[in-house]
Amino acid sequence: MSTTRTTSTAGTTGESGRRARLALALCMAGAGVTHFVSPATYERIVPRWAGDPHRVVAVSGIAELACAALLANRRTAGLGGRLTAVLLVAVFPANVQMWLDAGTEHQAAEMPADRFRLIALARLPLQLPLVLWALRVARRAATSPSPSPTSSSSSSPFPSPGRVHHA
């Protein structure tokens, strides 16, 4: 009975980790796609010192899509989580630039400057939970056992030692 309970708890933890990993992958994929669907929005917030805004937005969109792909695969999720955290830190200057440009001709959205400035300022601290989320996904991926290459392709009708099989 306690084995079932332990297995059940481990399965729940694994499932929540899987959901967190896939949710982050979905967020990164969505952000990456919007870089190509609506590039002007992102181009306006690229810091001027970063170079050609079109190129910066394209490269960051590709990087976000690559992170999403790495996160979506359980075998590469650790690397995907670490690279996602690095990418989120790397794009933080664009969020700062967005706040600095409020009320100028570079403002990224058509709305009153005070409202835009408040929204841009509120976005700044939200980057930290995203970075922590990516690092948690990476940490979980590093501590979870990776599937063995033969576990899914085994044709034996007998249970493998050390694995719990449910009917």
Protein backbone atom coordinates (compact mmCIF):
# COMPACT_ATOMS: atom_id res chain seq x y z
CA MET A 1 0.00 0.00 0.00
CA SER A 2 2.78 2.46 0.84
CA THR A 3 4.48 1.64 -2.48
CA THR A 4 1.35 2.67 -4.33
CA ARG A 5 1.16 5.88 -2.36
CA THR A 6 4.84 6.69 -2.99
CA THR A 7 4.48 5.92 -6.68
CA SER A 8 1.33 8.03 -6.83
CA THR A 9 3.07 11.00 -5.19
CA ALA A 10 6.05 10.68 -7.50
CA GLY A 11 3.70 10.53 -10.48
CA THR A 12 1.92 13.67 -9.33
CA THR A 13 5.21 15.54 -8.90
CA GLY A 14 6.34 14.31 -12.31
CA GLU A 15 3.06 15.37 -13.88
CA SER A 16 3.19 18.87 -12.36
CA GLY A 17 6.79 19.21 -13.56
CA ARG A 18 5.73 18.07 -17.02
CA ARG A 19 2.88 20.60 -17.06
CA ALA A 20 5.21 23.41 -15.92
CA ARG A 21 7.75 22.48 -18.60
CA LEU A 22 5.17 22.29 -21.37
CA ALA A 23 3.46 25.51 -20.25
CA LEU A 24 6.79 27.33 -20.38
CA ALA A 25 7.48 25.81 -23.81
CA LEU A 26 4.09 27.08 -24.98
CA CYS A 27 4.80 30.58 -23.63
CA MET A 28 8.18 30.68 -25.35
CA ALA A 29 6.69 29.39 -28.61
CA GLY A 30 3.93 32.00 -28.47
CA ALA A 31 6.42 34.79 -27.83
CA GLY A 32 8.66 33.52 -30.61
CA VAL A 33 5.82 33.40 -33.13
CA THR A 34 4.65 36.93 -32.27
CA HIS A 35 8.15 38.21 -33.07
CA PHE A 36 7.42 37.27 -36.68
CA VAL A 37 3.68 38.01 -36.77
CA SER A 38 3.99 41.47 -35.20
CA PRO A 39 7.68 42.47 -35.40
CA ALA A 40 7.06 46.24 -35.23
CA THR A 41 5.85 45.96 -31.65
CA TYR A 42 9.16 44.38 -30.63
CA GLU A 43 11.32 46.52 -32.92
CA ARG A 44 10.15 49.65 -31.09
CA ILE A 45 11.48 48.40 -27.75
CA VAL A 46 14.90 47.22 -28.96
CA PRO A 47 17.48 49.41 -27.21
CA ARG A 48 19.18 51.63 -29.76
CA TRP A 49 22.61 50.37 -28.70
CA ALA A 50 21.60 46.77 -29.62
CA GLY A 51 21.84 47.33 -33.38
CA ASP A 52 19.37 46.78 -36.21
CA PRO A 53 15.97 46.28 -34.52
CA HIS A 54 14.69 44.03 -37.31
CA ARG A 55 17.65 41.67 -36.94
CA VAL A 56 17.50 41.72 -33.13
CA VAL A 57 13.79 40.84 -33.16
CA ALA A 58 14.32 38.03 -35.68
CA VAL A 59 17.23 36.55 -33.72
CA SER A 60 15.38 36.76 -30.42
CA GLY A 61 12.27 35.21 -32.01
CA ILE A 62 14.34 32.31 -33.34
CA ALA A 63 15.98 31.93 -29.91
CA GLU A 64 12.57 31.80 -28.22
CA LEU A 65 11.36 29.15 -30.67
CA ALA A 66 14.54 27.13 -30.11
CA CYS A 67 14.05 27.33 -26.34
CA ALA A 68 10.44 26.19 -26.78
CA ALA A 69 11.56 23.18 -28.80
CA LEU A 70 14.20 22.24 -26.21
CA LEU A 71 11.67 22.61 -23.39
CA ALA A 72 9.07 20.52 -25.19
CA ASN A 73 11.41 17.52 -25.31
CA ARG A 74 11.93 15.91 -21.91
CA ARG A 75 15.47 14.86 -22.83
CA THR A 76 16.55 18.43 -23.62
CA ALA A 77 14.40 20.27 -21.07
CA GLY A 78 17.31 20.94 -18.71
CA LEU A 79 19.26 22.75 -21.41
CA GLY A 80 16.06 24.43 -22.59
CA GLY A 81 15.32 25.73 -19.10
CA ARG A 82 18.82 27.12 -18.63
CA LEU A 83 18.86 28.76 -22.07
CA THR A 84 15.38 30.19 -21.49
CA ALA A 85 16.57 31.78 -18.24
CA VAL A 86 19.58 33.28 -20.04
CA LEU A 87 17.39 34.56 -22.86
CA LEU A 88 14.91 36.15 -20.45
CA VAL A 89 17.77 38.00 -18.76
CA ALA A 90 19.21 39.00 -22.15
CA VAL A 91 15.94 40.58 -23.33
CA PHE A 92 15.38 42.46 -20.07
CA PRO A 93 17.00 45.65 -21.48
CA ALA A 94 14.17 45.79 -24.04
CA ASN A 95 11.67 45.96 -21.16
CA VAL A 96 13.68 48.78 -19.60
CA GLN A 97 13.81 50.57 -22.96
CA MET A 98 10.05 50.22 -23.25
CA TRP A 99 9.64 51.99 -19.92
CA LEU A 100 12.19 54.70 -20.82
CA ASP A 101 10.47 55.42 -24.14
CA ALA A 102 7.06 56.09 -22.59
CA GLY A 103 5.83 59.46 -23.79
CA THR A 104 8.39 59.72 -26.60
CA GLU A 105 8.11 59.09 -30.33
CA HIS A 106 9.52 55.59 -29.65
CA GLN A 107 6.63 54.54 -27.41
CA ALA A 108 5.61 51.03 -28.44
CA ALA A 109 1.82 51.45 -28.23
CA GLU A 110 -0.79 54.07 -28.95
CA MET A 111 -2.09 55.03 -25.52
CA PRO A 112 -1.63 57.86 -23.04
CA ALA A 113 2.00 58.09 -21.95
CA ASP A 114 1.25 57.84 -18.22
CA ARG A 115 -0.74 54.64 -18.70
CA PHE A 116 1.92 53.18 -20.99
CA ARG A 117 4.67 54.08 -18.50
CA LEU A 118 2.76 52.36 -15.68
CA ILE A 119 2.25 49.20 -17.75
CA ALA A 120 5.89 49.17 -18.82
CA LEU A 121 7.03 49.66 -15.23
CA ALA A 122 4.77 46.84 -14.02
CA ARG A 123 6.34 44.48 -16.59
CA LEU A 124 9.86 44.92 -15.21
CA PRO A 125 9.51 42.84 -12.02
CA LEU A 126 7.51 40.18 -13.87
CA GLN A 127 10.69 39.03 -15.62
CA LEU A 128 12.04 37.57 -12.36
CA PRO A 129 9.28 34.95 -11.89
CA LEU A 130 9.75 33.91 -15.52
CA VAL A 131 13.50 33.42 -14.99
CA LEU A 132 12.82 31.45 -11.79
CA TRP A 133 10.25 29.32 -13.62
CA ALA A 134 12.80 28.47 -16.32
CA LEU A 135 15.43 27.60 -13.72
CA ARG A 136 12.95 25.41 -11.81
CA VAL A 137 12.13 23.55 -15.03
CA ALA A 138 15.86 23.06 -15.66
CA ARG A 139 16.42 21.84 -12.09
CA ARG A 140 13.50 19.39 -12.28
CA ALA A 141 14.76 18.08 -15.61
CA ALA A 142 18.21 17.52 -14.11
CA THR A 143 16.83 15.55 -11.15
CA SER A 144 14.22 13.49 -12.98
CA PRO A 145 15.36 10.18 -14.38
CA SER A 146 15.69 10.24 -18.12
CA PRO A 147 13.90 7.50 -19.98
CA SER A 148 16.07 4.61 -21.08
CA PRO A 149 16.22 4.02 -24.82
CA THR A 150 14.79 0.50 -24.45
CA SER A 151 11.99 1.25 -21.97
CA SER A 152 9.44 2.33 -24.55
CA SER A 153 10.48 -0.16 -27.22
CA SER A 154 10.63 -3.24 -25.01
CA SER A 155 8.42 -6.00 -26.33
CA SER A 156 8.71 -8.22 -23.27
CA PRO A 157 5.37 -9.05 -21.63
CA PHE A 158 7.11 -9.19 -18.24
CA PRO A 159 7.61 -6.14 -16.01
CA SER A 160 11.07 -4.66 -15.86
CA PRO A 161 12.80 -4.86 -12.47
CA GLY A 162 12.35 -1.66 -10.47
CA ARG A 163 9.37 -0.42 -12.45
CA VAL A 164 5.81 -0.39 -11.18
CA HIS A 165 3.26 -1.48 -13.76
CA HIS A 166 -0.39 -0.60 -13.36
CA ALA A 167 -3.13 -2.76 -14.83
